[in-house]
Amino acid sequence: MPKMWGHAFYQVYVTLASTTTTMKGAVAVNNESIREEMQKNGVAQWQVADELGISEGTLSRKMRYELTLEDKRRVLKAIAKVGKAVGKSQKRLFESVSREI
């Protein structure tokens, strides 16, 4: 193994460590905070895409790479809006089931 390889691998490590991409195991996870927000709010990706007026496939492809700050803001607003609606629906469902019991 050439001596330069050690330095080259170190450079790759430093580059990866300084990016905004989070590493989980061997798989890079972009936009992890957005994915966590969707999960925390009980919102599906298709619901967010619907709120944004795009297809689920388009949102999925965009999420493969780190979103711009402006796109993140738009997606987080959509998550919040859909999350409120989902929360209200779940509350109404719980109340109606409670009355039946």
PDB file of N, CA and C in Angstrom:
ATOM      1  N   MET A   1       0.851  -1.183   0.000  1.00  0.00           N
ATOM      2  CA  MET A   1       0.000   0.000   0.000  1.00  0.00           C
ATOM      3  C   MET A   1       0.895   1.244   0.000  1.00  0.00           C
ATOM      4  N   PRO A   2       0.681   2.161  -0.941  1.00  0.00           N
ATOM      5  CA  PRO A   2       1.494   3.379  -0.982  1.00  0.00           C
ATOM      6  C   PRO A   2       1.285   4.230   0.264  1.00  0.00           C
ATOM      7  N   LYS A   3       2.322   4.938   0.639  1.00  0.00           N
ATOM      8  CA  LYS A   3       2.267   5.782   1.832  1.00  0.00           C
ATOM      9  C   LYS A   3       1.200   6.879   1.702  1.00  0.00           C
ATOM     10  N   MET A   4       0.961   7.345   0.493  1.00  0.00           N
ATOM     11  CA  MET A   4      -0.004   8.427   0.256  1.00  0.00           C
ATOM     12  C   MET A   4      -1.443   8.010   0.567  1.00  0.00           C
ATOM     13  N   TRP A   5      -1.731   6.725   0.528  1.00  0.00           N
ATOM     14  CA  TRP A   5      -3.103   6.275   0.760  1.00  0.00           C
ATOM     15  C   TRP A   5      -3.613   6.696   2.120  1.00  0.00           C
ATOM     16  N   GLY A   6      -2.769   6.628   3.125  1.00  0.00           N
ATOM     17  CA  GLY A   6      -3.190   7.022   4.464  1.00  0.00           C
ATOM     18  C   GLY A   6      -3.702   8.447   4.481  1.00  0.00           C
ATOM     19  N   HIS A   7      -2.963   9.338   3.845  1.00  0.00           N
ATOM     20  CA  HIS A   7      -3.357  10.742   3.794  1.00  0.00           C
ATOM     21  C   HIS A   7      -4.646  10.919   2.980  1.00  0.00           C
ATOM     22  N   ALA A   8      -4.763  10.189   1.867  1.00  0.00           N
ATOM     23  CA  ALA A   8      -5.950  10.304   1.022  1.00  0.00           C
ATOM     24  C   ALA A   8      -7.198   9.856   1.780  1.00  0.00           C
ATOM     25  N   PHE A   9      -7.092   8.752   2.507  1.00  0.00           N
ATOM     26  CA  PHE A   9      -8.239   8.286   3.292  1.00  0.00           C
ATOM     27  C   PHE A   9      -8.589   9.276   4.393  1.00  0.00           C
ATOM     28  N   TYR A  10      -7.586   9.892   5.003  1.00  0.00           N
ATOM     29  CA  TYR A  10      -7.822  10.902   6.036  1.00  0.00           C
ATOM     30  C   TYR A  10      -8.571  12.087   5.431  1.00  0.00           C
ATOM     31  N   GLN A  11      -8.169  12.525   4.241  1.00  0.00           N
ATOM     32  CA  GLN A  11      -8.842  13.639   3.582  1.00  0.00           C
ATOM     33  C   GLN A  11     -10.310  13.312   3.316  1.00  0.00           C
ATOM     34  N   VAL A  12     -10.589  12.094   2.869  1.00  0.00           N
ATOM     35  CA  VAL A  12     -11.973  11.678   2.630  1.00  0.00           C
ATOM     36  C   VAL A  12     -12.753  11.699   3.937  1.00  0.00           C
ATOM     37  N   TYR A  13     -12.159  11.201   5.023  1.00  0.00           N
ATOM     38  CA  TYR A  13     -12.817  11.195   6.332  1.00  0.00           C
ATOM     39  C   TYR A  13     -13.141  12.608   6.776  1.00  0.00           C
ATOM     40  N   VAL A  14     -12.171  13.508   6.665  1.00  0.00           N
ATOM     41  CA  VAL A  14     -12.389  14.896   7.079  1.00  0.00           C
ATOM     42  C   VAL A  14     -13.496  15.531   6.252  1.00  0.00           C
ATOM     43  N   THR A  15     -13.494  15.263   4.954  1.00  0.00           N
ATOM     44  CA  THR A  15     -14.532  15.809   4.079  1.00  0.00           C
ATOM     45  C   THR A  15     -15.900  15.285   4.475  1.00  0.00           C
ATOM     46  N   LEU A  16     -16.021  13.987   4.712  1.00  0.00           N
ATOM     47  CA  LEU A  16     -17.301  13.411   5.116  1.00  0.00           C
ATOM     48  C   LEU A  16     -17.737  13.924   6.474  1.00  0.00           C
ATOM     49  N   ALA A  17     -16.816  14.048   7.394  1.00  0.00           N
ATOM     50  CA  ALA A  17     -17.153  14.494   8.745  1.00  0.00           C
ATOM     51  C   ALA A  17     -17.615  15.943   8.763  1.00  0.00           C
ATOM     52  N   SER A  18     -17.165  16.751   7.803  1.00  0.00           N
ATOM     53  CA  SER A  18     -17.512  18.167   7.811  1.00  0.00           C
ATOM     54  C   SER A  18     -18.775  18.482   7.013  1.00  0.00           C
ATOM     55  N   THR A  19     -19.352  17.489   6.346  1.00  0.00           N
ATOM     56  CA  THR A  19     -20.577  17.744   5.586  1.00  0.00           C
ATOM     57  C   THR A  19     -21.784  17.693   6.506  1.00  0.00           C
ATOM     58  N   THR A  20     -22.931  18.108   5.992  1.00  0.00           N
ATOM     59  CA  THR A  20     -24.159  18.085   6.791  1.00  0.00           C
ATOM     60  C   THR A  20     -24.855  16.736   6.716  1.00  0.00           C
ATOM     61  N   THR A  21     -24.296  15.817   5.979  1.00  0.00           N
ATOM     62  CA  THR A  21     -24.875  14.481   5.861  1.00  0.00           C
ATOM     63  C   THR A  21     -24.533  13.676   7.103  1.00  0.00           C
ATOM     64  N   THR A  22     -25.516  13.036   7.683  1.00  0.00           N
ATOM     65  CA  THR A  22     -25.307  12.203   8.858  1.00  0.00           C
ATOM     66  C   THR A  22     -25.037  10.784   8.391  1.00  0.00           C
ATOM     67  N   MET A  23     -24.092  10.114   9.031  1.00  0.00           N
ATOM     68  CA  MET A  23     -23.782   8.741   8.661  1.00  0.00           C
ATOM     69  C   MET A  23     -24.407   7.794   9.679  1.00  0.00           C
ATOM     70  N   LYS A  24     -25.182   6.841   9.221  1.00  0.00           N
ATOM     71  CA  LYS A  24     -25.750   5.806  10.082  1.00  0.00           C
ATOM     72  C   LYS A  24     -25.249   4.487   9.541  1.00  0.00           C
ATOM     73  N   GLY A  25     -24.348   3.858  10.264  1.00  0.00           N
ATOM     74  CA  GLY A  25     -23.731   2.647   9.736  1.00  0.00           C
ATOM     75  C   GLY A  25     -22.928   3.026   8.515  1.00  0.00           C
ATOM     76  N   ALA A  26     -23.202   2.394   7.400  1.00  0.00           N
ATOM     77  CA  ALA A  26     -22.492   2.705   6.168  1.00  0.00           C
ATOM     78  C   ALA A  26     -23.368   3.484   5.197  1.00  0.00           C
ATOM     79  N   VAL A  27     -24.553   3.892   5.634  1.00  0.00           N
ATOM     80  CA  VAL A  27     -25.495   4.557   4.741  1.00  0.00           C
ATOM     81  C   VAL A  27     -25.638   6.017   5.148  1.00  0.00           C
ATOM     82  N   ALA A  28     -25.518   6.912   4.192  1.00  0.00           N
ATOM     83  CA  ALA A  28     -25.681   8.336   4.466  1.00  0.00           C
ATOM     84  C   ALA A  28     -27.166   8.665   4.564  1.00  0.00           C
ATOM     85  N   VAL A  29     -27.526   9.454   5.560  1.00  0.00           N
ATOM     86  CA  VAL A  29     -28.919   9.851   5.743  1.00  0.00           C
ATOM     87  C   VAL A  29     -28.989  11.368   5.613  1.00  0.00           C
ATOM     88  N   ASN A  30     -29.534  11.835   4.510  1.00  0.00           N
ATOM     89  CA  ASN A  30     -29.697  13.270   4.302  1.00  0.00           C
ATOM     90  C   ASN A  30     -31.006  13.728   4.920  1.00  0.00           C
ATOM     91  N   ASN A  31     -31.038  14.989   5.316  1.00  0.00           N
ATOM     92  CA  ASN A  31     -32.254  15.608   5.849  1.00  0.00           C
ATOM     93  C   ASN A  31     -32.810  14.835   7.047  1.00  0.00           C
ATOM     94  N   GLU A  32     -31.934  14.355   7.889  1.00  0.00           N
ATOM     95  CA  GLU A  32     -32.368  13.544   9.029  1.00  0.00           C
ATOM     96  C   GLU A  32     -33.323  14.304   9.948  1.00  0.00           C
ATOM     97  N   SER A  33     -33.089  15.599  10.159  1.00  0.00           N
ATOM     98  CA  SER A  33     -33.970  16.372  11.037  1.00  0.00           C
ATOM     99  C   SER A  33     -35.393  16.429  10.477  1.00  0.00           C
ATOM    100  N   ILE A  34     -35.520  16.506   9.162  1.00  0.00           N
ATOM    101  CA  ILE A  34     -36.848  16.530   8.545  1.00  0.00           C
ATOM    102  C   ILE A  34     -37.526  15.180   8.707  1.00  0.00           C
ATOM    103  N   ARG A  35     -36.786  14.114   8.505  1.00  0.00           N
ATOM    104  CA  ARG A  35     -37.343  12.767   8.685  1.00  0.00           C
ATOM    105  C   ARG A  35     -37.798  12.561  10.131  1.00  0.00           C
ATOM    106  N   GLU A  36     -37.003  13.068  11.075  1.00  0.00           N
ATOM    107  CA  GLU A  36     -37.375  12.949  12.491  1.00  0.00           C
ATOM    108  C   GLU A  36     -38.633  13.750  12.799  1.00  0.00           C
ATOM    109  N   GLU A  37     -38.762  14.932  12.215  1.00  0.00           N
ATOM    110  CA  GLU A  37     -39.963  15.749  12.418  1.00  0.00           C
ATOM    111  C   GLU A  37     -41.208  15.050  11.888  1.00  0.00           C
ATOM    112  N   MET A  38     -41.093  14.429  10.717  1.00  0.00           N
ATOM    113  CA  MET A  38     -42.238  13.702  10.159  1.00  0.00           C
ATOM    114  C   MET A  38     -42.650  12.574  11.095  1.00  0.00           C
ATOM    115  N   GLN A  39     -41.677  11.850  11.601  1.00  0.00           N
ATOM    116  CA  GLN A  39     -41.976  10.734  12.497  1.00  0.00           C
ATOM    117  C   GLN A  39     -42.570  11.243  13.806  1.00  0.00           C
ATOM    118  N   LYS A  40     -42.007  12.302  14.354  1.00  0.00           N
ATOM    119  CA  LYS A  40     -42.480  12.862  15.622  1.00  0.00           C
ATOM    120  C   LYS A  40     -43.922  13.355  15.515  1.00  0.00           C
ATOM    121  N   ASN A  41     -44.274  13.906  14.354  1.00  0.00           N
ATOM    122  CA  ASN A  41     -45.622  14.441  14.144  1.00  0.00           C
ATOM    123  C   ASN A  41     -46.596  13.422  13.578  1.00  0.00           C
ATOM    124  N   GLY A  42     -46.127  12.200  13.339  1.00  0.00           N
ATOM    125  CA  GLY A  42     -47.014  11.169  12.794  1.00  0.00           C
ATOM    126  C   GLY A  42     -47.469  11.471  11.387  1.00  0.00           C
ATOM    127  N   VAL A  43     -46.588  12.088  10.607  1.00  0.00           N
ATOM    128  CA  VAL A  43     -46.916  12.524   9.258  1.00  0.00           C
ATOM    129  C   VAL A  43     -46.181  11.651   8.248  1.00  0.00           C
ATOM    130  N   ALA A  44     -46.885  11.187   7.232  1.00  0.00           N
ATOM    131  CA  ALA A  44     -46.269  10.387   6.178  1.00  0.00           C
ATOM    132  C   ALA A  44     -45.681  11.304   5.105  1.00  0.00           C
ATOM    133  N   GLN A  45     -44.699  10.790   4.401  1.00  0.00           N
ATOM    134  CA  GLN A  45     -44.042  11.578   3.358  1.00  0.00           C
ATOM    135  C   GLN A  45     -45.028  11.982   2.261  1.00  0.00           C
ATOM    136  N   TRP A  46     -45.981  11.103   1.935  1.00  0.00           N
ATOM    137  CA  TRP A  46     -46.949  11.449   0.896  1.00  0.00           C
ATOM    138  C   TRP A  46     -47.824  12.619   1.327  1.00  0.00           C
ATOM    139  N   GLN A  47     -48.102  12.737   2.642  1.00  0.00           N
ATOM    140  CA  GLN A  47     -48.925  13.836   3.132  1.00  0.00           C
ATOM    141  C   GLN A  47     -48.185  15.167   3.004  1.00  0.00           C
ATOM    142  N   VAL A  48     -46.901  15.147   3.300  1.00  0.00           N
ATOM    143  CA  VAL A  48     -46.084  16.357   3.164  1.00  0.00           C
ATOM    144  C   VAL A  48     -46.006  16.760   1.692  1.00  0.00           C
ATOM    145  N   ALA A  49     -45.769  15.786   0.824  1.00  0.00           N
ATOM    146  CA  ALA A  49     -45.691  16.066  -0.610  1.00  0.00           C
ATOM    147  C   ALA A  49     -47.006  16.650  -1.113  1.00  0.00           C
ATOM    148  N   ASP A  50     -48.115  16.085  -0.663  1.00  0.00           N
ATOM    149  CA  ASP A  50     -49.433  16.581  -1.056  1.00  0.00           C
ATOM    150  C   ASP A  50     -49.608  18.034  -0.636  1.00  0.00           C
ATOM    151  N   GLU A  51     -49.212  18.351   0.573  1.00  0.00           N
ATOM    152  CA  GLU A  51     -49.314  19.725   1.079  1.00  0.00           C
ATOM    153  C   GLU A  51     -48.438  20.681   0.266  1.00  0.00           C
ATOM    154  N   LEU A  52     -47.290  20.189  -0.204  1.00  0.00           N
ATOM    155  CA  LEU A  52     -46.382  21.018  -1.003  1.00  0.00           C
ATOM    156  C   LEU A  52     -46.817  21.111  -2.462  1.00  0.00           C
ATOM    157  N   GLY A  53     -47.781  20.267  -2.863  1.00  0.00           N
ATOM    158  CA  GLY A  53     -48.258  20.288  -4.245  1.00  0.00           C
ATOM    159  C   GLY A  53     -47.330  19.560  -5.207  1.00  0.00           C
ATOM    160  N   ILE A  54     -46.580  18.576  -4.684  1.00  0.00           N
ATOM    161  CA  ILE A  54     -45.692  17.771  -5.525  1.00  0.00           C
ATOM    162  C   ILE A  54     -45.992  16.300  -5.276  1.00  0.00           C
ATOM    163  N   SER A  55     -45.461  15.440  -6.120  1.00  0.00           N
ATOM    164  CA  SER A  55     -45.699  14.004  -5.919  1.00  0.00           C
ATOM    165  C   SER A  55     -44.774  13.476  -4.819  1.00  0.00           C
ATOM    166  N   GLU A  56     -45.163  12.345  -4.249  1.00  0.00           N
ATOM    167  CA  GLU A  56     -44.334  11.716  -3.226  1.00  0.00           C
ATOM    168  C   GLU A  56     -42.970  11.335  -3.806  1.00  0.00           C
ATOM    169  N   GLY A  57     -42.954  10.878  -5.054  1.00  0.00           N
ATOM    170  CA  GLY A  57     -41.700  10.517  -5.706  1.00  0.00           C
ATOM    171  C   GLY A  57     -40.749  11.698  -5.835  1.00  0.00           C
ATOM    172  N   THR A  58     -41.308  12.863  -6.167  1.00  0.00           N
ATOM    173  CA  THR A  58     -40.487  14.072  -6.289  1.00  0.00           C
ATOM    174  C   THR A  58     -39.882  14.440  -4.940  1.00  0.00           C
ATOM    175  N   LEU A  59     -40.700  14.402  -3.879  1.00  0.00           N
ATOM    176  CA  LEU A  59     -40.180  14.715  -2.551  1.00  0.00           C
ATOM    177  C   LEU A  59     -39.114  13.701  -2.141  1.00  0.00           C
ATOM    178  N   SER A  60     -39.360  12.449  -2.423  1.00  0.00           N
ATOM    179  CA  SER A  60     -38.408  11.401  -2.086  1.00  0.00           C
ATOM    180  C   SER A  60     -37.065  11.636  -2.779  1.00  0.00           C
ATOM    181  N   ARG A  61     -37.111  11.991  -4.063  1.00  0.00           N
ATOM    182  CA  ARG A  61     -35.867  12.259  -4.797  1.00  0.00           C
ATOM    183  C   ARG A  61     -35.151  13.479  -4.246  1.00  0.00           C
ATOM    184  N   LYS A  62     -35.912  14.522  -3.888  1.00  0.00           N
ATOM    185  CA  LYS A  62     -35.283  15.719  -3.319  1.00  0.00           C
ATOM    186  C   LYS A  62     -34.619  15.411  -1.981  1.00  0.00           C
ATOM    187  N   MET A  63     -35.233  14.510  -1.217  1.00  0.00           N
ATOM    188  CA  MET A  63     -34.732  14.192   0.114  1.00  0.00           C
ATOM    189  C   MET A  63     -33.452  13.349   0.072  1.00  0.00           C
ATOM    190  N   ARG A  64     -33.098  12.820  -1.091  1.00  0.00           N
ATOM    191  CA  ARG A  64     -31.868  12.036  -1.208  1.00  0.00           C
ATOM    192  C   ARG A  64     -30.633  12.892  -0.986  1.00  0.00           C
ATOM    193  N   TYR A  65     -30.758  14.182  -1.262  1.00  0.00           N
ATOM    194  CA  TYR A  65     -29.663  15.132  -1.102  1.00  0.00           C
ATOM    195  C   TYR A  65     -30.090  16.187  -0.090  1.00  0.00           C
ATOM    196  N   GLU A  66     -29.124  16.785   0.567  1.00  0.00           N
ATOM    197  CA  GLU A  66     -29.434  17.791   1.581  1.00  0.00           C
ATOM    198  C   GLU A  66     -30.190  18.947   0.914  1.00  0.00           C
ATOM    199  N   LEU A  67     -31.337  19.298   1.484  1.00  0.00           N
ATOM    200  CA  LEU A  67     -32.162  20.375   0.944  1.00  0.00           C
ATOM    201  C   LEU A  67     -31.542  21.731   1.239  1.00  0.00           C
ATOM    202  N   THR A  68     -31.881  22.711   0.414  1.00  0.00           N
ATOM    203  CA  THR A  68     -31.456  24.082   0.694  1.00  0.00           C
ATOM    204  C   THR A  68     -32.211  24.566   1.925  1.00  0.00           C
ATOM    205  N   LEU A  69     -31.737  25.628   2.519  1.00  0.00           N
ATOM    206  CA  LEU A  69     -32.382  26.174   3.713  1.00  0.00           C
ATOM    207  C   LEU A  69     -33.828  26.579   3.426  1.00  0.00           C
ATOM    208  N   GLU A  70     -34.054  27.182   2.272  1.00  0.00           N
ATOM    209  CA  GLU A  70     -35.407  27.601   1.889  1.00  0.00           C
ATOM    210  C   GLU A  70     -36.332  26.391   1.719  1.00  0.00           C
ATOM    211  N   ASP A  71     -35.850  25.354   1.056  1.00  0.00           N
ATOM    212  CA  ASP A  71     -36.660  24.140   0.889  1.00  0.00           C
ATOM    213  C   ASP A  71     -36.951  23.479   2.229  1.00  0.00           C
ATOM    214  N   LYS A  72     -35.977  23.483   3.134  1.00  0.00           N
ATOM    215  CA  LYS A  72     -36.201  22.912   4.469  1.00  0.00           C
ATOM    216  C   LYS A  72     -37.307  23.662   5.195  1.00  0.00           C
ATOM    217  N   ARG A  73     -37.288  24.980   5.088  1.00  0.00           N
ATOM    218  CA  ARG A  73     -38.335  25.789   5.737  1.00  0.00           C
ATOM    219  C   ARG A  73     -39.716  25.429   5.193  1.00  0.00           C
ATOM    220  N   ARG A  74     -39.816  25.306   3.860  1.00  0.00           N
ATOM    221  CA  ARG A  74     -41.103  24.963   3.237  1.00  0.00           C
ATOM    222  C   ARG A  74     -41.584  23.592   3.701  1.00  0.00           C
ATOM    223  N   VAL A  75     -40.669  22.624   3.742  1.00  0.00           N
ATOM    224  CA  VAL A  75     -41.040  21.264   4.141  1.00  0.00           C
ATOM    225  C   VAL A  75     -41.441  21.243   5.615  1.00  0.00           C
ATOM    226  N   LEU A  76     -40.699  21.938   6.463  1.00  0.00           N
ATOM    227  CA  LEU A  76     -41.035  21.955   7.896  1.00  0.00           C
ATOM    228  C   LEU A  76     -42.391  22.624   8.149  1.00  0.00           C
ATOM    229  N   LYS A  77     -42.703  23.680   7.378  1.00  0.00           N
ATOM    230  CA  LYS A  77     -44.026  24.314   7.498  1.00  0.00           C
ATOM    231  C   LYS A  77     -45.122  23.329   7.110  1.00  0.00           C
ATOM    232  N   ALA A  78     -44.888  22.595   6.039  1.00  0.00           N
ATOM    233  CA  ALA A  78     -45.873  21.600   5.575  1.00  0.00           C
ATOM    234  C   ALA A  78     -46.053  20.508   6.627  1.00  0.00           C
ATOM    235  N   ILE A  79     -44.959  20.065   7.232  1.00  0.00           N
ATOM    236  CA  ILE A  79     -45.041  19.042   8.284  1.00  0.00           C
ATOM    237  C   ILE A  79     -45.872  19.552   9.447  1.00  0.00           C
ATOM    238  N   ALA A  80     -45.630  20.798   9.858  1.00  0.00           N
ATOM    239  CA  ALA A  80     -46.379  21.377  10.975  1.00  0.00           C
ATOM    240  C   ALA A  80     -47.868  21.469  10.655  1.00  0.00           C
ATOM    241  N   LYS A  81     -48.185  21.914   9.444  1.00  0.00           N
ATOM    242  CA  LYS A  81     -49.592  22.061   9.055  1.00  0.00           C
ATOM    243  C   LYS A  81     -50.289  20.705   8.994  1.00  0.00           C
ATOM    244  N   VAL A  82     -49.662  19.734   8.353  1.00  0.00           N
ATOM    245  CA  VAL A  82     -50.255  18.400   8.250  1.00  0.00           C
ATOM    246  C   VAL A  82     -50.302  17.746   9.630  1.00  0.00           C
ATOM    247  N   GLY A  83     -49.269  17.958  10.431  1.00  0.00           N
ATOM    248  CA  GLY A  83     -49.226  17.390  11.782  1.00  0.00           C
ATOM    249  C   GLY A  83     -50.381  17.859  12.640  1.00  0.00           C
ATOM    250  N   LYS A  84     -50.743  19.136  12.518  1.00  0.00           N
ATOM    251  CA  LYS A  84     -51.900  19.662  13.264  1.00  0.00           C
ATOM    252  C   LYS A  84     -53.173  18.958  12.829  1.00  0.00           C
ATOM    253  N   ALA A  85     -53.351  18.820  11.528  1.00  0.00           N
ATOM    254  CA  ALA A  85     -54.552  18.163  10.999  1.00  0.00           C
ATOM    255  C   ALA A  85     -54.610  16.703  11.435  1.00  0.00           C
ATOM    256  N   VAL A  86     -53.475  16.023  11.395  1.00  0.00           N
ATOM    257  CA  VAL A  86     -53.431  14.621  11.817  1.00  0.00           C
ATOM    258  C   VAL A  86     -53.746  14.518  13.302  1.00  0.00           C
ATOM    259  N   GLY A  87     -53.190  15.416  14.090  1.00  0.00           N
ATOM    260  CA  GLY A  87     -53.443  15.417  15.535  1.00  0.00           C
ATOM    261  C   GLY A  87     -54.918  15.625  15.847  1.00  0.00           C
ATOM    262  N   LYS A  88     -55.563  16.549  15.131  1.00  0.00           N
ATOM    263  CA  LYS A  88     -56.988  16.799  15.347  1.00  0.00           C
ATOM    264  C   LYS A  88     -57.813  15.579  14.955  1.00  0.00           C
ATOM    265  N   SER A  89     -57.451  14.953  13.842  1.00  0.00           N
ATOM    266  CA  SER A  89     -58.185  13.755  13.396  1.00  0.00           C
ATOM    267  C   SER A  89     -58.058  12.633  14.416  1.00  0.00           C
ATOM    268  N   GLN A  90     -56.855  12.443  14.943  1.00  0.00           N
ATOM    269  CA  GLN A  90     -56.640  11.393  15.940  1.00  0.00           C
ATOM    270  C   GLN A  90     -57.423  11.696  17.210  1.00  0.00           C
ATOM    271  N   LYS A  91     -57.483  12.968  17.597  1.00  0.00           N
ATOM    272  CA  LYS A  91     -58.226  13.353  18.799  1.00  0.00           C
ATOM    273  C   LYS A  91     -59.725  13.075  18.610  1.00  0.00           C
ATOM    274  N   ARG A  92     -60.272  13.450  17.443  1.00  0.00           N
ATOM    275  CA  ARG A  92     -61.695  13.196  17.172  1.00  0.00           C
ATOM    276  C   ARG A  92     -61.989  11.706  17.164  1.00  0.00           C
ATOM    277  N   LEU A  93     -61.091  10.920  16.565  1.00  0.00           N
ATOM    278  CA  LEU A  93     -61.261   9.472  16.522  1.00  0.00           C
ATOM    279  C   LEU A  93     -61.259   8.895  17.932  1.00  0.00           C
ATOM    280  N   PHE A  94     -60.328   9.346  18.764  1.00  0.00           N
ATOM    281  CA  PHE A  94     -60.244   8.862  20.139  1.00  0.00           C
ATOM    282  C   PHE A  94     -61.514   9.222  20.906  1.00  0.00           C
ATOM    283  N   GLU A  95     -61.995  10.454  20.719  1.00  0.00           N
ATOM    284  CA  GLU A  95     -63.209  10.885  21.412  1.00  0.00           C
ATOM    285  C   GLU A  95     -64.420  10.066  20.977  1.00  0.00           C
ATOM    286  N   SER A  96     -64.553   9.763  19.693  1.00  0.00           N
ATOM    287  CA  SER A  96     -65.706   8.999  19.216  1.00  0.00           C
ATOM    288  C   SER A  96     -65.642   7.560  19.706  1.00  0.00           C
ATOM    289  N   VAL A  97     -64.444   6.989  19.774  1.00  0.00           N
ATOM    290  CA  VAL A  97     -64.296   5.618  20.270  1.00  0.00           C
ATOM    291  C   VAL A  97     -64.591   5.598  21.775  1.00  0.00           C
ATOM    292  N   SER A  98     -64.146   6.626  22.481  1.00  0.00           N
ATOM    293  CA  SER A  98     -64.393   6.709  23.927  1.00  0.00           C
ATOM    294  C   SER A  98     -65.885   6.751  24.236  1.00  0.00           C
ATOM    295  N   ARG A  99     -66.649   7.461  23.417  1.00  0.00           N
ATOM    296  CA  ARG A  99     -68.091   7.548  23.630  1.00  0.00           C
ATOM    297  C   ARG A  99     -68.784   6.216  23.399  1.00  0.00           C
ATOM    298  N   GLU A 100     -68.235   5.424  22.462  1.00  0.00           N
ATOM    299  CA  GLU A 100     -68.814   4.129  22.148  1.00  0.00           C
ATOM    300  C   GLU A 100     -68.562   3.117  23.265  1.00  0.00           C
ATOM    301  N   ILE A 101     -67.495   3.307  23.997  1.00  0.00           N
ATOM    302  CA  ILE A 101     -67.121   2.327  25.041  1.00  0.00           C
ATOM    303  C   ILE A 101     -67.889   2.552  26.280  1.00  0.00           C
TER     304      ILE A 101
END
